[in-house]
Amino acid sequence: MTNTLEAEVLALLRLGGMLTAETIARNLDVPRWRVARVLHTLRTTGDAFRNRQQEWQITPGQRHPQRQAAR
């Protein structure tokens, strides 16, 4: 079950592709810390992930693979 802010963040990511947490916060006019919390939840559930440039995007239809430990 998603809350309203989670749904808004997911909708924005679907439209905007790869966005930083700051950009998402500005577009939704909410504090950055609230967006960061939602993004953490979305990452935990496998709905979104962050790349090396700190940009977020949705995970289409599958969970983002877990990071493997270095050998």
C-alpha atoms as a PDB file:
ATOM      1  CA  MET A   1       0.000   0.000   0.000  1.00  0.00           C
ATOM      2  CA  THR A   2       1.474   3.334  -1.006  1.00  0.00           C
ATOM      3  CA  ASN A   3       0.752   6.677   0.548  1.00  0.00           C
ATOM      4  CA  THR A   4      -0.022   9.829  -1.428  1.00  0.00           C
ATOM      5  CA  LEU A   5       3.546  11.155  -1.515  1.00  0.00           C
ATOM      6  CA  GLU A   6       4.869   7.768  -2.681  1.00  0.00           C
ATOM      7  CA  ALA A   7       2.316   7.751  -5.491  1.00  0.00           C
ATOM      8  CA  GLU A   8       3.272  11.312  -6.484  1.00  0.00           C
ATOM      9  CA  VAL A   9       6.990  10.480  -6.500  1.00  0.00           C
ATOM     10  CA  LEU A  10       6.384   7.354  -8.605  1.00  0.00           C
ATOM     11  CA  ALA A  11       4.229   9.325 -11.042  1.00  0.00           C
ATOM     12  CA  LEU A  12       6.914  11.996 -11.359  1.00  0.00           C
ATOM     13  CA  LEU A  13       9.605   9.380 -11.960  1.00  0.00           C
ATOM     14  CA  ARG A  14       7.478   7.739 -14.647  1.00  0.00           C
ATOM     15  CA  LEU A  15       7.162  11.087 -16.421  1.00  0.00           C
ATOM     16  CA  GLY A  16      10.616  12.482 -15.786  1.00  0.00           C
ATOM     17  CA  GLY A  17      12.923   9.503 -15.992  1.00  0.00           C
ATOM     18  CA  MET A  18      16.072  10.044 -13.933  1.00  0.00           C
ATOM     19  CA  LEU A  19      15.697  12.774 -11.296  1.00  0.00           C
ATOM     20  CA  THR A  20      17.610  13.770  -8.169  1.00  0.00           C
ATOM     21  CA  ALA A  21      15.875  13.904  -4.791  1.00  0.00           C
ATOM     22  CA  GLU A  22      16.264  17.686  -4.786  1.00  0.00           C
ATOM     23  CA  THR A  23      14.574  18.014  -8.172  1.00  0.00           C
ATOM     24  CA  ILE A  24      11.710  15.783  -7.049  1.00  0.00           C
ATOM     25  CA  ALA A  25      11.272  17.846  -3.869  1.00  0.00           C
ATOM     26  CA  ARG A  26      11.176  21.088  -5.868  1.00  0.00           C
ATOM     27  CA  ASN A  27       8.670  19.714  -8.375  1.00  0.00           C
ATOM     28  CA  LEU A  28       6.351  18.417  -5.651  1.00  0.00           C
ATOM     29  CA  ASP A  29       6.923  21.419  -3.341  1.00  0.00           C
ATOM     30  CA  VAL A  30       7.740  19.266  -0.316  1.00  0.00           C
ATOM     31  CA  PRO A  31      10.802  19.195   1.958  1.00  0.00           C
ATOM     32  CA  ARG A  32      13.757  17.214   0.626  1.00  0.00           C
ATOM     33  CA  TRP A  33      13.887  15.031   3.764  1.00  0.00           C
ATOM     34  CA  ARG A  34      10.343  13.760   3.090  1.00  0.00           C
ATOM     35  CA  VAL A  35      11.275  12.877  -0.491  1.00  0.00           C
ATOM     36  CA  ALA A  36      14.452  11.145   0.726  1.00  0.00           C
ATOM     37  CA  ARG A  37      12.362   9.047   3.112  1.00  0.00           C
ATOM     38  CA  VAL A  38       9.939   8.045   0.369  1.00  0.00           C
ATOM     39  CA  LEU A  39      12.787   7.216  -2.011  1.00  0.00           C
ATOM     40  CA  HIS A  40      14.373   5.000   0.642  1.00  0.00           C
ATOM     41  CA  THR A  41      11.061   3.160   1.026  1.00  0.00           C
ATOM     42  CA  LEU A  42      10.729   2.783  -2.746  1.00  0.00           C
ATOM     43  CA  ARG A  43      14.288   1.441  -2.946  1.00  0.00           C
ATOM     44  CA  THR A  44      13.578  -1.044  -0.150  1.00  0.00           C
ATOM     45  CA  THR A  45      10.482  -2.359  -1.922  1.00  0.00           C
ATOM     46  CA  GLY A  46      12.300  -2.528  -5.258  1.00  0.00           C
ATOM     47  CA  ASP A  47      10.168   0.109  -6.982  1.00  0.00           C
ATOM     48  CA  ALA A  48      12.997   2.613  -7.571  1.00  0.00           C
ATOM     49  CA  PHE A  49      16.779   2.777  -7.542  1.00  0.00           C
ATOM     50  CA  ARG A  50      19.540   5.399  -7.596  1.00  0.00           C
ATOM     51  CA  ASN A  51      22.397   5.507 -10.077  1.00  0.00           C
ATOM     52  CA  ARG A  52      25.943   6.768  -9.477  1.00  0.00           C
ATOM     53  CA  GLN A  53      24.974  10.347 -10.344  1.00  0.00           C
ATOM     54  CA  GLN A  54      22.450  10.330  -7.455  1.00  0.00           C
ATOM     55  CA  GLU A  55      19.562  10.236  -9.925  1.00  0.00           C
ATOM     56  CA  TRP A  56      16.512   8.110  -9.192  1.00  0.00           C
ATOM     57  CA  GLN A  57      14.409   6.104 -11.611  1.00  0.00           C
ATOM     58  CA  ILE A  58      11.693   3.504 -11.372  1.00  0.00           C
ATOM     59  CA  THR A  59      12.381  -0.188 -11.681  1.00  0.00           C
ATOM     60  CA  PRO A  60      10.045  -1.370 -14.444  1.00  0.00           C
ATOM     61  CA  GLY A  61       8.279  -4.550 -13.429  1.00  0.00           C
ATOM     62  CA  GLN A  62      11.094  -6.065 -11.414  1.00  0.00           C
ATOM     63  CA  ARG A  63      13.145  -5.525  -8.310  1.00  0.00           C
ATOM     64  CA  HIS A  64      16.532  -3.887  -8.725  1.00  0.00           C
ATOM     65  CA  PRO A  65      19.195  -6.582  -8.261  1.00  0.00           C
ATOM     66  CA  GLN A  66      20.987  -6.569  -4.939  1.00  0.00           C
ATOM     67  CA  ARG A  67      24.573  -5.360  -4.981  1.00  0.00           C
ATOM     68  CA  GLN A  68      27.048  -8.233  -4.931  1.00  0.00           C
ATOM     69  CA  ALA A  69      29.917  -8.258  -2.455  1.00  0.00           C
ATOM     70  CA  ALA A  70      33.379  -7.809  -3.957  1.00  0.00           C
ATOM     71  CA  ARG A  71      35.447 -10.957  -4.174  1.00  0.00           C
END
